[in-house]
Amino acid sequence: GGGGNDEGEDEEEDLSDNNGEKSKKRKKKHSIPPPKKGICSASGCTNQIARRGLCVKHGMQVVDSKITSFPLPPPRDGGTVYKKSECVEIAKQYKKGSSQRRLALEAMIYRGYAKNSLKSLYRLLLNDEKG
């Protein structure tokens, strides 16, 4: 068929466009530009916006009322932050793996009593259990 011949001609044209061996040796690095979403409106932040003009980091996190109202003793020694041992002692009052223990840890972080992440607080508890 005539269609087959047309396709063949197209292939020949493609080969003639890429003249010589140079084009075969040269590997083109396809640099795909990131999608232009916009930049976070928080001061000094250069992250891409996710919602409401803010990035994931600066987007307002909805904090559960259970966390905000969780009863916690004030830090010892009149300080503003718990010591690591204090965090462990308070969390150990609650059963391992319970939602109460998690709420206690999250409340510490929310109030600024613990400067650690939730993951590192759990790691402290794990190390304490090991001895």
Foldseek 3Di string as FASTA:
>chain_A
DVVVVVVVVVVVVVDVVCDDCVSVPDDDDDDDDDDPQDAAPPPPGGDHPDPPSHRPVPDDDDDDVLLQPPDDDQAPPPDRAHDLVRLLVVLVVDDPPDVSSLSSLSSRVVSVNYPDDSVVNVVSNVVVVVD
